[in-house]
Amino acid sequence: MNKWKIAFFLLAALIVTGVLVFVFWISRPVDGTPLPEAAPAGSEVDRLTVTATRDDLEGIANTYIRQAINNDRIPVTLEFEDDVLLVSELTVFAVQLPVMMHFEPVVLEDGNLSLKQKSVEVGNLTIPPSTILKLLGDTVGLPAWMVVRPKEEELFIDLSRLPVSGGIQVRAKEINLPQDEIELEILIPRK
């Protein structure tokens, strides 16, 4: 055989192997991720209830995300409309695909948020939501207070672990995005 045929078959084998490894990686089983326990509030706290708008919440969330992933080359932003929209991108074989995931916010008893996935758009591809969440969790350096739970198809926002100075904690009381009604509770420790 001539050297060009050998080089062609080696290149073809390398490409097929790469595709198989990628398919295996995204299709491996997803384990359930347990929810972290909420950080306990001290017994001596003052409570302040704050009313916010979608724009306020969007600005605050994106500021904290930017601070947490300051040098990550993959952008992640949250948009608050009638639902929560997470916008990012995935790079697959040197092609950047826009990713848009729609979530329904659910306020949990401990004041944290569970964003339940409603739909996902990855360019023109049809990919299961759990796979996209798994890829997001594996490839994007999300802040520690954002927990990706692919099996449950949700993104858990641990508001009790937001890095707020002075030991202040934030909890959600009500989030009704279609009505633009958002209530947060700020817990300020007594000194």
N, C-alpha and C. Protein backbone atom coordinates (compact mmCIF):
# COMPACT_ATOMS: atom_id res chain seq x y z
N MET A 1 0.84 -1.18 0.00
CA MET A 1 0.00 0.00 0.00
C MET A 1 0.88 1.24 0.00
N ASN A 2 0.37 2.26 -0.62
CA ASN A 2 1.18 3.47 -0.62
C ASN A 2 0.91 4.28 0.65
N LYS A 3 1.81 5.20 0.96
CA LYS A 3 1.74 5.91 2.24
C LYS A 3 0.50 6.80 2.36
N TRP A 4 -0.08 7.27 1.26
CA TRP A 4 -1.26 8.12 1.32
C TRP A 4 -2.50 7.31 1.72
N LYS A 5 -2.58 6.07 1.26
CA LYS A 5 -3.70 5.21 1.67
C LYS A 5 -3.62 4.91 3.15
N ILE A 6 -2.41 4.63 3.63
CA ILE A 6 -2.24 4.34 5.06
C ILE A 6 -2.61 5.57 5.89
N ALA A 7 -2.15 6.75 5.46
CA ALA A 7 -2.47 7.98 6.18
C ALA A 7 -3.98 8.23 6.17
N PHE A 8 -4.65 7.98 5.04
CA PHE A 8 -6.09 8.17 4.94
C PHE A 8 -6.82 7.25 5.92
N PHE A 9 -6.47 5.97 5.94
CA PHE A 9 -7.14 5.03 6.84
C PHE A 9 -6.87 5.34 8.30
N LEU A 10 -5.66 5.80 8.63
CA LEU A 10 -5.37 6.20 10.00
C LEU A 10 -6.20 7.42 10.41
N LEU A 11 -6.30 8.39 9.52
CA LEU A 11 -7.12 9.57 9.80
C LEU A 11 -8.59 9.20 9.95
N ALA A 12 -9.10 8.36 9.08
CA ALA A 12 -10.50 7.91 9.17
C ALA A 12 -10.74 7.17 10.49
N ALA A 13 -9.82 6.31 10.88
CA ALA A 13 -9.95 5.57 12.14
C ALA A 13 -9.93 6.53 13.33
N LEU A 14 -9.08 7.54 13.27
CA LEU A 14 -9.00 8.53 14.35
C LEU A 14 -10.31 9.32 14.48
N ILE A 15 -10.88 9.71 13.36
CA ILE A 15 -12.14 10.45 13.38
C ILE A 15 -13.28 9.58 13.92
N VAL A 16 -13.37 8.34 13.46
CA VAL A 16 -14.42 7.43 13.94
C VAL A 16 -14.25 7.18 15.44
N THR A 17 -13.02 7.00 15.90
CA THR A 17 -12.77 6.79 17.33
C THR A 17 -13.19 8.01 18.13
N GLY A 18 -12.86 9.21 17.63
CA GLY A 18 -13.26 10.44 18.32
C GLY A 18 -14.76 10.58 18.42
N VAL A 19 -15.47 10.29 17.36
CA VAL A 19 -16.94 10.36 17.38
C VAL A 19 -17.51 9.34 18.36
N LEU A 20 -16.98 8.12 18.36
CA LEU A 20 -17.47 7.09 19.28
C LEU A 20 -17.21 7.47 20.74
N VAL A 21 -16.04 8.02 21.03
CA VAL A 21 -15.74 8.45 22.39
C VAL A 21 -16.69 9.56 22.82
N PHE A 22 -16.95 10.53 21.92
CA PHE A 22 -17.87 11.62 22.24
C PHE A 22 -19.28 11.10 22.50
N VAL A 23 -19.76 10.21 21.66
CA VAL A 23 -21.10 9.63 21.84
C VAL A 23 -21.17 8.84 23.15
N PHE A 24 -20.13 8.08 23.46
CA PHE A 24 -20.11 7.33 24.72
C PHE A 24 -20.13 8.29 25.90
N TRP A 25 -19.36 9.38 25.81
CA TRP A 25 -19.26 10.34 26.91
C TRP A 25 -20.60 11.00 27.20
N ILE A 26 -21.34 11.42 26.16
CA ILE A 26 -22.61 12.11 26.42
C ILE A 26 -23.75 11.13 26.71
N SER A 27 -23.58 9.85 26.41
CA SER A 27 -24.68 8.91 26.63
C SER A 27 -24.49 8.02 27.85
N ARG A 28 -23.41 8.24 28.61
CA ARG A 28 -23.23 7.41 29.80
C ARG A 28 -24.32 7.76 30.81
N PRO A 29 -24.66 6.81 31.70
CA PRO A 29 -25.77 7.04 32.62
C PRO A 29 -25.52 8.24 33.53
N VAL A 30 -26.61 8.91 33.85
CA VAL A 30 -26.54 10.08 34.71
C VAL A 30 -26.96 9.68 36.11
N ASP A 31 -26.11 9.97 37.09
CA ASP A 31 -26.45 9.69 38.48
C ASP A 31 -27.21 10.87 39.05
N GLY A 32 -28.10 10.59 39.98
CA GLY A 32 -28.82 11.66 40.66
C GLY A 32 -27.87 12.42 41.58
N THR A 33 -28.01 13.71 41.62
CA THR A 33 -27.18 14.55 42.48
C THR A 33 -28.02 14.94 43.69
N PRO A 34 -27.54 14.63 44.90
CA PRO A 34 -28.32 15.01 46.07
C PRO A 34 -28.30 16.51 46.28
N LEU A 35 -29.38 17.03 46.84
CA LEU A 35 -29.45 18.45 47.14
C LEU A 35 -28.61 18.76 48.36
N PRO A 36 -27.84 19.84 48.33
CA PRO A 36 -27.09 20.22 49.52
C PRO A 36 -28.06 20.77 50.57
N GLU A 37 -27.69 20.61 51.82
CA GLU A 37 -28.53 21.15 52.89
C GLU A 37 -28.33 22.65 52.95
N ALA A 38 -29.41 23.35 53.25
CA ALA A 38 -29.33 24.81 53.34
C ALA A 38 -28.43 25.19 54.50
N ALA A 39 -27.65 26.24 54.30
CA ALA A 39 -26.80 26.73 55.38
C ALA A 39 -27.71 27.24 56.49
N PRO A 40 -27.45 26.82 57.72
CA PRO A 40 -28.33 27.23 58.80
C PRO A 40 -28.19 28.73 59.10
N ALA A 41 -29.32 29.35 59.35
CA ALA A 41 -29.29 30.75 59.77
C ALA A 41 -29.11 30.74 61.28
N GLY A 42 -28.35 31.69 61.77
CA GLY A 42 -28.16 31.77 63.21
C GLY A 42 -29.49 32.04 63.90
N SER A 43 -29.53 31.80 65.20
CA SER A 43 -30.78 32.01 65.93
C SER A 43 -31.05 33.50 66.12
N GLU A 44 -30.01 34.30 66.09
CA GLU A 44 -30.14 35.74 66.28
C GLU A 44 -30.01 36.46 64.94
N VAL A 45 -31.11 36.54 64.19
CA VAL A 45 -31.08 37.23 62.91
C VAL A 45 -32.25 38.20 62.82
N ASP A 46 -32.03 39.25 62.08
CA ASP A 46 -33.11 40.17 61.73
C ASP A 46 -33.50 39.86 60.30
N ARG A 47 -34.78 39.90 60.04
CA ARG A 47 -35.30 39.55 58.72
C ARG A 47 -35.81 40.80 58.02
N LEU A 48 -35.45 40.90 56.75
CA LEU A 48 -35.88 42.02 55.93
C LEU A 48 -36.46 41.44 54.66
N THR A 49 -37.71 41.79 54.34
CA THR A 49 -38.35 41.31 53.12
C THR A 49 -38.20 42.37 52.04
N VAL A 50 -37.71 41.93 50.89
CA VAL A 50 -37.43 42.84 49.78
C VAL A 50 -38.28 42.42 48.58
N THR A 51 -38.90 43.40 47.92
CA THR A 51 -39.64 43.15 46.70
C THR A 51 -38.75 43.54 45.52
N ALA A 52 -38.70 42.69 44.53
CA ALA A 52 -37.84 42.95 43.37
C ALA A 52 -38.63 42.71 42.09
N THR A 53 -38.03 43.12 40.97
CA THR A 53 -38.62 42.88 39.66
C THR A 53 -37.76 41.84 38.93
N ARG A 54 -38.24 41.39 37.79
CA ARG A 54 -37.46 40.44 36.98
C ARG A 54 -36.13 41.05 36.58
N ASP A 55 -36.13 42.33 36.20
CA ASP A 55 -34.89 43.00 35.80
C ASP A 55 -33.90 43.06 36.95
N ASP A 56 -34.40 43.35 38.17
CA ASP A 56 -33.52 43.37 39.34
C ASP A 56 -32.89 42.01 39.57
N LEU A 57 -33.72 40.98 39.54
CA LEU A 57 -33.24 39.62 39.79
C LEU A 57 -32.26 39.17 38.71
N GLU A 58 -32.53 39.54 37.46
CA GLU A 58 -31.63 39.20 36.36
C GLU A 58 -30.26 39.86 36.55
N GLY A 59 -30.25 41.13 36.91
CA GLY A 59 -29.00 41.85 37.13
C GLY A 59 -28.20 41.25 38.27
N ILE A 60 -28.86 40.95 39.38
CA ILE A 60 -28.17 40.37 40.53
C ILE A 60 -27.61 39.00 40.18
N ALA A 61 -28.43 38.15 39.56
CA ALA A 61 -27.99 36.79 39.23
C ALA A 61 -26.80 36.81 38.29
N ASN A 62 -26.84 37.62 37.25
CA ASN A 62 -25.74 37.66 36.28
C ASN A 62 -24.48 38.28 36.87
N THR A 63 -24.61 39.21 37.79
CA THR A 63 -23.44 39.76 38.48
C THR A 63 -22.74 38.67 39.28
N TYR A 64 -23.50 37.89 40.04
CA TYR A 64 -22.91 36.81 40.83
C TYR A 64 -22.30 35.72 39.94
N ILE A 65 -22.95 35.42 38.84
CA ILE A 65 -22.41 34.41 37.91
C ILE A 65 -21.10 34.90 37.30
N ARG A 66 -21.07 36.15 36.86
CA ARG A 66 -19.83 36.70 36.28
C ARG A 66 -18.68 36.68 37.28
N GLN A 67 -18.97 37.03 38.53
CA GLN A 67 -17.93 37.02 39.56
C GLN A 67 -17.43 35.61 39.82
N ALA A 68 -18.32 34.63 39.79
CA ALA A 68 -17.94 33.26 40.11
C ALA A 68 -17.16 32.59 38.98
N ILE A 69 -17.48 32.91 37.72
CA ILE A 69 -16.79 32.26 36.59
C ILE A 69 -15.98 33.28 35.81
N ASN A 70 -15.31 34.17 36.53
CA ASN A 70 -14.66 35.35 35.94
C ASN A 70 -13.81 35.07 34.71
N ASN A 71 -13.07 34.01 34.65
CA ASN A 71 -12.19 33.77 33.50
C ASN A 71 -12.63 32.61 32.63
N ASP A 72 -13.82 32.09 32.85
CA ASP A 72 -14.30 30.98 32.04
C ASP A 72 -14.63 31.50 30.65
N ARG A 73 -14.16 30.81 29.65
CA ARG A 73 -14.37 31.28 28.28
C ARG A 73 -15.78 30.99 27.77
N ILE A 74 -16.56 30.20 28.50
CA ILE A 74 -17.91 29.86 28.07
C ILE A 74 -18.89 30.78 28.81
N PRO A 75 -19.59 31.64 28.08
CA PRO A 75 -20.50 32.56 28.74
C PRO A 75 -21.77 31.85 29.22
N VAL A 76 -22.24 32.25 30.37
CA VAL A 76 -23.50 31.76 30.92
C VAL A 76 -24.25 32.97 31.44
N THR A 77 -25.46 33.16 30.96
CA THR A 77 -26.29 34.25 31.47
C THR A 77 -27.70 33.72 31.74
N LEU A 78 -28.36 34.37 32.68
CA LEU A 78 -29.75 34.07 32.99
C LEU A 78 -30.60 35.24 32.56
N GLU A 79 -31.73 34.95 31.95
CA GLU A 79 -32.70 35.98 31.59
C GLU A 79 -34.02 35.60 32.25
N PHE A 80 -34.67 36.59 32.84
CA PHE A 80 -35.94 36.37 33.53
C PHE A 80 -37.06 37.01 32.73
N GLU A 81 -37.91 36.18 32.17
CA GLU A 81 -39.08 36.65 31.42
C GLU A 81 -40.29 35.99 32.10
N ASP A 82 -41.14 35.29 31.36
CA ASP A 82 -42.22 34.53 32.00
C ASP A 82 -41.69 33.23 32.58
N ASP A 83 -40.48 32.88 32.21
CA ASP A 83 -39.76 31.76 32.81
C ASP A 83 -38.29 32.17 32.89
N VAL A 84 -37.44 31.28 33.37
CA VAL A 84 -36.01 31.57 33.47
C VAL A 84 -35.34 30.96 32.25
N LEU A 85 -34.54 31.76 31.57
CA LEU A 85 -33.85 31.32 30.37
C LEU A 85 -32.35 31.34 30.64
N LEU A 86 -31.70 30.18 30.56
CA LEU A 86 -30.26 30.09 30.68
C LEU A 86 -29.68 30.05 29.27
N VAL A 87 -28.81 30.98 28.96
CA VAL A 87 -28.21 31.08 27.64
C VAL A 87 -26.72 30.80 27.75
N SER A 88 -26.25 29.89 26.92
CA SER A 88 -24.83 29.54 26.91
C SER A 88 -24.50 29.04 25.51
N GLU A 89 -23.35 28.39 25.39
CA GLU A 89 -22.98 27.78 24.11
C GLU A 89 -22.12 26.56 24.38
N LEU A 90 -22.21 25.60 23.47
CA LEU A 90 -21.40 24.39 23.53
C LEU A 90 -20.53 24.35 22.29
N THR A 91 -19.30 23.91 22.45
CA THR A 91 -18.40 23.74 21.31
C THR A 91 -18.27 22.25 21.04
N VAL A 92 -18.71 21.84 19.86
CA VAL A 92 -18.65 20.45 19.45
C VAL A 92 -17.91 20.39 18.12
N PHE A 93 -16.77 19.72 18.12
CA PHE A 93 -15.95 19.61 16.91
C PHE A 93 -15.69 20.97 16.28
N ALA A 94 -15.26 21.93 17.10
CA ALA A 94 -14.89 23.29 16.69
C ALA A 94 -16.08 24.10 16.16
N VAL A 95 -17.30 23.63 16.40
CA VAL A 95 -18.50 24.36 16.00
C VAL A 95 -19.20 24.83 17.28
N GLN A 96 -19.47 26.12 17.37
CA GLN A 96 -20.16 26.64 18.54
C GLN A 96 -21.67 26.62 18.31
N LEU A 97 -22.35 25.92 19.23
CA LEU A 97 -23.80 25.81 19.15
C LEU A 97 -24.44 26.62 20.27
N PRO A 98 -25.39 27.52 19.93
CA PRO A 98 -26.07 28.26 20.99
C PRO A 98 -27.00 27.31 21.76
N VAL A 99 -27.00 27.47 23.07
CA VAL A 99 -27.85 26.66 23.94
C VAL A 99 -28.78 27.59 24.70
N MET A 100 -30.08 27.29 24.64
CA MET A 100 -31.06 28.03 25.41
C MET A 100 -31.92 27.02 26.16
N MET A 101 -31.93 27.14 27.47
CA MET A 101 -32.72 26.24 28.31
C MET A 101 -33.75 27.05 29.07
N HIS A 102 -34.99 26.62 28.98
CA HIS A 102 -36.10 27.28 29.68
C HIS A 102 -36.39 26.52 30.97
N PHE A 103 -36.52 27.26 32.07
CA PHE A 103 -36.78 26.66 33.38
C PHE A 103 -37.98 27.32 34.03
N GLU A 104 -38.67 26.53 34.85
CA GLU A 104 -39.75 27.03 35.68
C GLU A 104 -39.20 27.13 37.11
N PRO A 105 -39.18 28.34 37.72
CA PRO A 105 -38.64 28.45 39.08
C PRO A 105 -39.64 27.95 40.12
N VAL A 106 -39.12 27.18 41.07
CA VAL A 106 -39.92 26.67 42.18
C VAL A 106 -39.21 27.05 43.47
N VAL A 107 -39.90 27.77 44.35
CA VAL A 107 -39.33 28.15 45.64
C VAL A 107 -39.49 26.96 46.59
N LEU A 108 -38.38 26.51 47.17
CA LEU A 108 -38.41 25.39 48.10
C LEU A 108 -38.67 25.89 49.52
N GLU A 109 -39.03 24.98 50.42
CA GLU A 109 -39.36 25.34 51.80
C GLU A 109 -38.21 26.05 52.51
N ASP A 110 -36.97 25.68 52.17
CA ASP A 110 -35.82 26.28 52.85
C ASP A 110 -35.39 27.62 52.24
N GLY A 111 -36.15 28.12 51.25
CA GLY A 111 -35.86 29.41 50.65
C GLY A 111 -34.94 29.35 49.45
N ASN A 112 -34.51 28.16 49.07
CA ASN A 112 -33.67 28.01 47.88
C ASN A 112 -34.56 27.84 46.66
N LEU A 113 -33.94 27.84 45.47
CA LEU A 113 -34.70 27.73 44.22
C LEU A 113 -34.36 26.46 43.48
N SER A 114 -35.38 25.86 42.92
CA SER A 114 -35.20 24.74 42.01
C SER A 114 -35.72 25.21 40.66
N LEU A 115 -34.84 25.19 39.66
CA LEU A 115 -35.25 25.56 38.32
C LEU A 115 -35.53 24.28 37.54
N LYS A 116 -36.80 23.97 37.33
CA LYS A 116 -37.22 22.76 36.62
C LYS A 116 -37.19 23.01 35.13
N GLN A 117 -36.49 22.16 34.40
CA GLN A 117 -36.33 22.37 32.97
C GLN A 117 -37.64 22.12 32.23
N LYS A 118 -38.01 23.10 31.38
CA LYS A 118 -39.22 22.99 30.56
C LYS A 118 -38.87 22.58 29.13
N SER A 119 -37.84 23.22 28.57
CA SER A 119 -37.44 22.91 27.20
C SER A 119 -35.99 23.31 26.99
N VAL A 120 -35.43 22.80 25.89
CA VAL A 120 -34.04 23.10 25.56
C VAL A 120 -33.92 23.27 24.06
N GLU A 121 -33.08 24.20 23.65
CA GLU A 121 -32.80 24.43 22.23
C GLU A 121 -31.29 24.46 22.05
N VAL A 122 -30.77 23.57 21.21
CA VAL A 122 -29.33 23.51 20.91
C VAL A 122 -29.20 23.60 19.40
N GLY A 123 -29.06 24.82 18.90
CA GLY A 123 -29.02 24.98 17.46
C GLY A 123 -30.25 24.32 16.84
N ASN A 124 -30.03 23.46 15.85
CA ASN A 124 -31.11 22.71 15.23
C ASN A 124 -31.13 21.26 15.68
N LEU A 125 -30.35 20.93 16.71
CA LEU A 125 -30.23 19.55 17.17
C LEU A 125 -31.34 19.21 18.15
N THR A 126 -31.71 17.95 18.18
CA THR A 126 -32.64 17.43 19.18
C THR A 126 -31.85 16.57 20.14
N ILE A 127 -31.63 17.08 21.32
CA ILE A 127 -30.82 16.40 22.34
C ILE A 127 -31.65 16.36 23.62
N PRO A 128 -31.65 15.23 24.32
CA PRO A 128 -32.42 15.14 25.57
C PRO A 128 -31.95 16.18 26.59
N PRO A 129 -32.88 16.77 27.33
CA PRO A 129 -32.51 17.79 28.32
C PRO A 129 -31.50 17.31 29.34
N SER A 130 -31.62 16.06 29.79
CA SER A 130 -30.67 15.55 30.80
C SER A 130 -29.25 15.52 30.24
N THR A 131 -29.10 15.24 28.95
CA THR A 131 -27.78 15.22 28.33
C THR A 131 -27.19 16.62 28.28
N ILE A 132 -28.00 17.61 27.92
CA ILE A 132 -27.51 18.99 27.87
C ILE A 132 -27.12 19.46 29.26
N LEU A 133 -27.92 19.14 30.27
CA LEU A 133 -27.56 19.53 31.63
C LEU A 133 -26.26 18.86 32.07
N LYS A 134 -26.09 17.60 31.69
CA LYS A 134 -24.87 16.88 32.04
C LYS A 134 -23.67 17.54 31.37
N LEU A 135 -23.79 17.88 30.08
CA LEU A 135 -22.71 18.57 29.37
C LEU A 135 -22.43 19.93 30.00
N LEU A 136 -23.48 20.65 30.38
CA LEU A 136 -23.30 21.94 31.01
C LEU A 136 -22.53 21.80 32.32
N GLY A 137 -22.93 20.84 33.13
CA GLY A 137 -22.25 20.61 34.41
C GLY A 137 -20.80 20.18 34.24
N ASP A 138 -20.52 19.41 33.17
CA ASP A 138 -19.16 18.90 32.95
C ASP A 138 -18.24 19.92 32.29
N THR A 139 -18.79 20.83 31.49
CA THR A 139 -17.92 21.71 30.70
C THR A 139 -17.87 23.15 31.19
N VAL A 140 -18.87 23.61 31.91
CA VAL A 140 -18.90 24.99 32.36
C VAL A 140 -18.59 25.03 33.85
N GLY A 141 -17.67 25.89 34.22
CA GLY A 141 -17.31 26.02 35.64
C GLY A 141 -18.34 26.87 36.36
N LEU A 142 -19.48 26.28 36.68
CA LEU A 142 -20.55 27.03 37.35
C LEU A 142 -20.16 27.29 38.80
N PRO A 143 -20.72 28.34 39.39
CA PRO A 143 -20.43 28.63 40.80
C PRO A 143 -20.92 27.49 41.70
N ALA A 144 -20.33 27.39 42.89
CA ALA A 144 -20.67 26.30 43.82
C ALA A 144 -22.12 26.36 44.25
N TRP A 145 -22.75 27.52 44.18
CA TRP A 145 -24.14 27.64 44.62
C TRP A 145 -25.14 27.28 43.51
N MET A 146 -24.64 26.90 42.33
CA MET A 146 -25.49 26.40 41.25
C MET A 146 -25.18 24.92 41.06
N VAL A 147 -26.13 24.06 41.38
CA VAL A 147 -25.94 22.62 41.31
C VAL A 147 -26.75 22.06 40.14
N VAL A 148 -26.05 21.45 39.19
CA VAL A 148 -26.72 20.85 38.04
C VAL A 148 -27.16 19.45 38.43
N ARG A 149 -28.43 19.13 38.21
CA ARG A 149 -28.98 17.81 38.53
C ARG A 149 -29.61 17.24 37.26
N PRO A 150 -28.77 16.61 36.39
CA PRO A 150 -29.27 16.15 35.08
C PRO A 150 -30.39 15.12 35.17
N LYS A 151 -30.25 14.16 36.08
CA LYS A 151 -31.27 13.10 36.17
C LYS A 151 -32.64 13.69 36.52
N GLU A 152 -32.65 14.70 37.37
CA GLU A 152 -33.89 15.33 37.79
C GLU A 152 -34.33 16.43 36.82
N GLU A 153 -33.48 16.71 35.82
CA GLU A 153 -33.71 17.77 34.84
C GLU A 153 -33.99 19.10 35.53
N GLU A 154 -33.06 19.47 36.42
CA GLU A 154 -33.21 20.73 37.13
C GLU A 154 -31.86 21.34 37.45
N LEU A 155 -31.92 22.61 37.74
CA LEU A 155 -30.76 23.38 38.18
C LEU A 155 -31.14 23.92 39.56
N PHE A 156 -30.36 23.55 40.58
CA PHE A 156 -30.65 23.94 41.95
C PHE A 156 -29.83 25.19 42.28
N ILE A 157 -30.49 26.23 42.74
CA ILE A 157 -29.82 27.47 43.13
C ILE A 157 -29.84 27.54 44.65
N ASP A 158 -28.67 27.38 45.26
CA ASP A 158 -28.54 27.37 46.71
C ASP A 158 -28.32 28.81 47.19
N LEU A 159 -29.41 29.55 47.37
CA LEU A 159 -29.33 30.94 47.77
C LEU A 159 -28.67 31.11 49.13
N SER A 160 -28.76 30.10 49.99
CA SER A 160 -28.16 30.22 51.32
C SER A 160 -26.64 30.24 51.26
N ARG A 161 -26.06 29.87 50.11
CA ARG A 161 -24.61 29.84 49.98
C ARG A 161 -24.07 30.94 49.05
N LEU A 162 -24.92 31.91 48.71
CA LEU A 162 -24.44 33.05 47.93
C LEU A 162 -23.36 33.77 48.73
N PRO A 163 -22.28 34.17 48.08
CA PRO A 163 -21.19 34.84 48.80
C PRO A 163 -21.52 36.30 49.11
N VAL A 164 -22.36 36.51 50.13
CA VAL A 164 -22.73 37.86 50.54
C VAL A 164 -21.92 38.19 51.79
N SER A 165 -21.34 39.37 51.84
CA SER A 165 -20.47 39.73 52.96
C SER A 165 -21.26 39.91 54.25
N GLY A 166 -20.56 39.80 55.37
CA GLY A 166 -21.15 40.03 56.67
C GLY A 166 -22.04 38.92 57.17
N GLY A 167 -21.96 37.74 56.57
CA GLY A 167 -22.78 36.62 57.03
C GLY A 167 -24.25 36.75 56.67
N ILE A 168 -24.56 37.67 55.77
CA ILE A 168 -25.95 37.87 55.35
C ILE A 168 -26.37 36.71 54.45
N GLN A 169 -27.60 36.26 54.63
CA GLN A 169 -28.14 35.19 53.79
C GLN A 169 -29.37 35.68 53.04
N VAL A 170 -29.60 35.09 51.88
CA VAL A 170 -30.75 35.44 51.05
C VAL A 170 -31.62 34.20 50.91
N ARG A 171 -32.92 34.40 51.01
CA ARG A 171 -33.88 33.32 50.78
C ARG A 171 -35.01 33.84 49.91
N ALA A 172 -35.51 32.97 49.07
CA ALA A 172 -36.67 33.34 48.24
C ALA A 172 -37.94 33.04 49.01
N LYS A 173 -38.89 33.95 48.93
CA LYS A 173 -40.20 33.72 49.54
C LYS A 173 -41.24 33.43 48.47
N GLU A 174 -41.19 34.21 47.38
CA GLU A 174 -42.16 34.04 46.30
C GLU A 174 -41.53 34.50 44.99
N ILE A 175 -41.72 33.70 43.95
CA ILE A 175 -41.29 34.11 42.62
C ILE A 175 -42.42 33.80 41.65
N ASN A 176 -43.05 34.85 41.15
CA ASN A 176 -44.11 34.74 40.16
C ASN A 176 -43.69 35.60 38.98
N LEU A 177 -42.95 34.99 38.05
CA LEU A 177 -42.38 35.75 36.93
C LEU A 177 -43.43 36.34 35.99
N PRO A 178 -44.50 35.60 35.63
CA PRO A 178 -45.49 36.22 34.72
C PRO A 178 -46.11 37.50 35.30
N GLN A 179 -46.28 37.55 36.63
CA GLN A 179 -46.86 38.74 37.27
C GLN A 179 -45.78 39.73 37.72
N ASP A 180 -44.50 39.37 37.52
CA ASP A 180 -43.35 40.20 37.93
C ASP A 180 -43.39 40.50 39.42
N GLU A 181 -43.72 39.45 40.21
CA GLU A 181 -43.78 39.57 41.67
C GLU A 181 -42.71 38.67 42.27
N ILE A 182 -41.71 39.28 42.88
CA ILE A 182 -40.59 38.54 43.46
C ILE A 182 -40.36 39.08 44.87
N GLU A 183 -40.38 38.17 45.84
CA GLU A 183 -40.11 38.54 47.23
C GLU A 183 -38.93 37.73 47.72
N LEU A 184 -37.94 38.45 48.25
CA LEU A 184 -36.77 37.81 48.84
C LEU A 184 -36.69 38.19 50.31
N GLU A 185 -36.14 37.30 51.10
CA GLU A 185 -35.95 37.56 52.52
C GLU A 185 -34.45 37.64 52.78
N ILE A 186 -34.03 38.72 53.41
CA ILE A 186 -32.62 38.91 53.74
C ILE A 186 -32.48 38.66 55.24
N LEU A 187 -31.56 37.75 55.60
CA LEU A 187 -31.31 37.42 57.01
C LEU A 187 -30.00 38.07 57.42
N ILE A 188 -30.09 39.01 58.35
CA ILE A 188 -28.92 39.77 58.81
C ILE A 188 -28.61 39.32 60.24
N PRO A 189 -27.41 38.75 60.46
CA PRO A 189 -27.08 38.30 61.82
C PRO A 189 -26.89 39.49 62.76
N ARG A 190 -27.36 39.30 63.99
CA ARG A 190 -27.15 40.33 65.02
C ARG A 190 -25.73 40.22 65.56
N LYS A 191 -25.15 41.32 65.84
CA LYS A 191 -23.77 41.32 66.36
C LYS A 191 -23.78 41.57 67.84
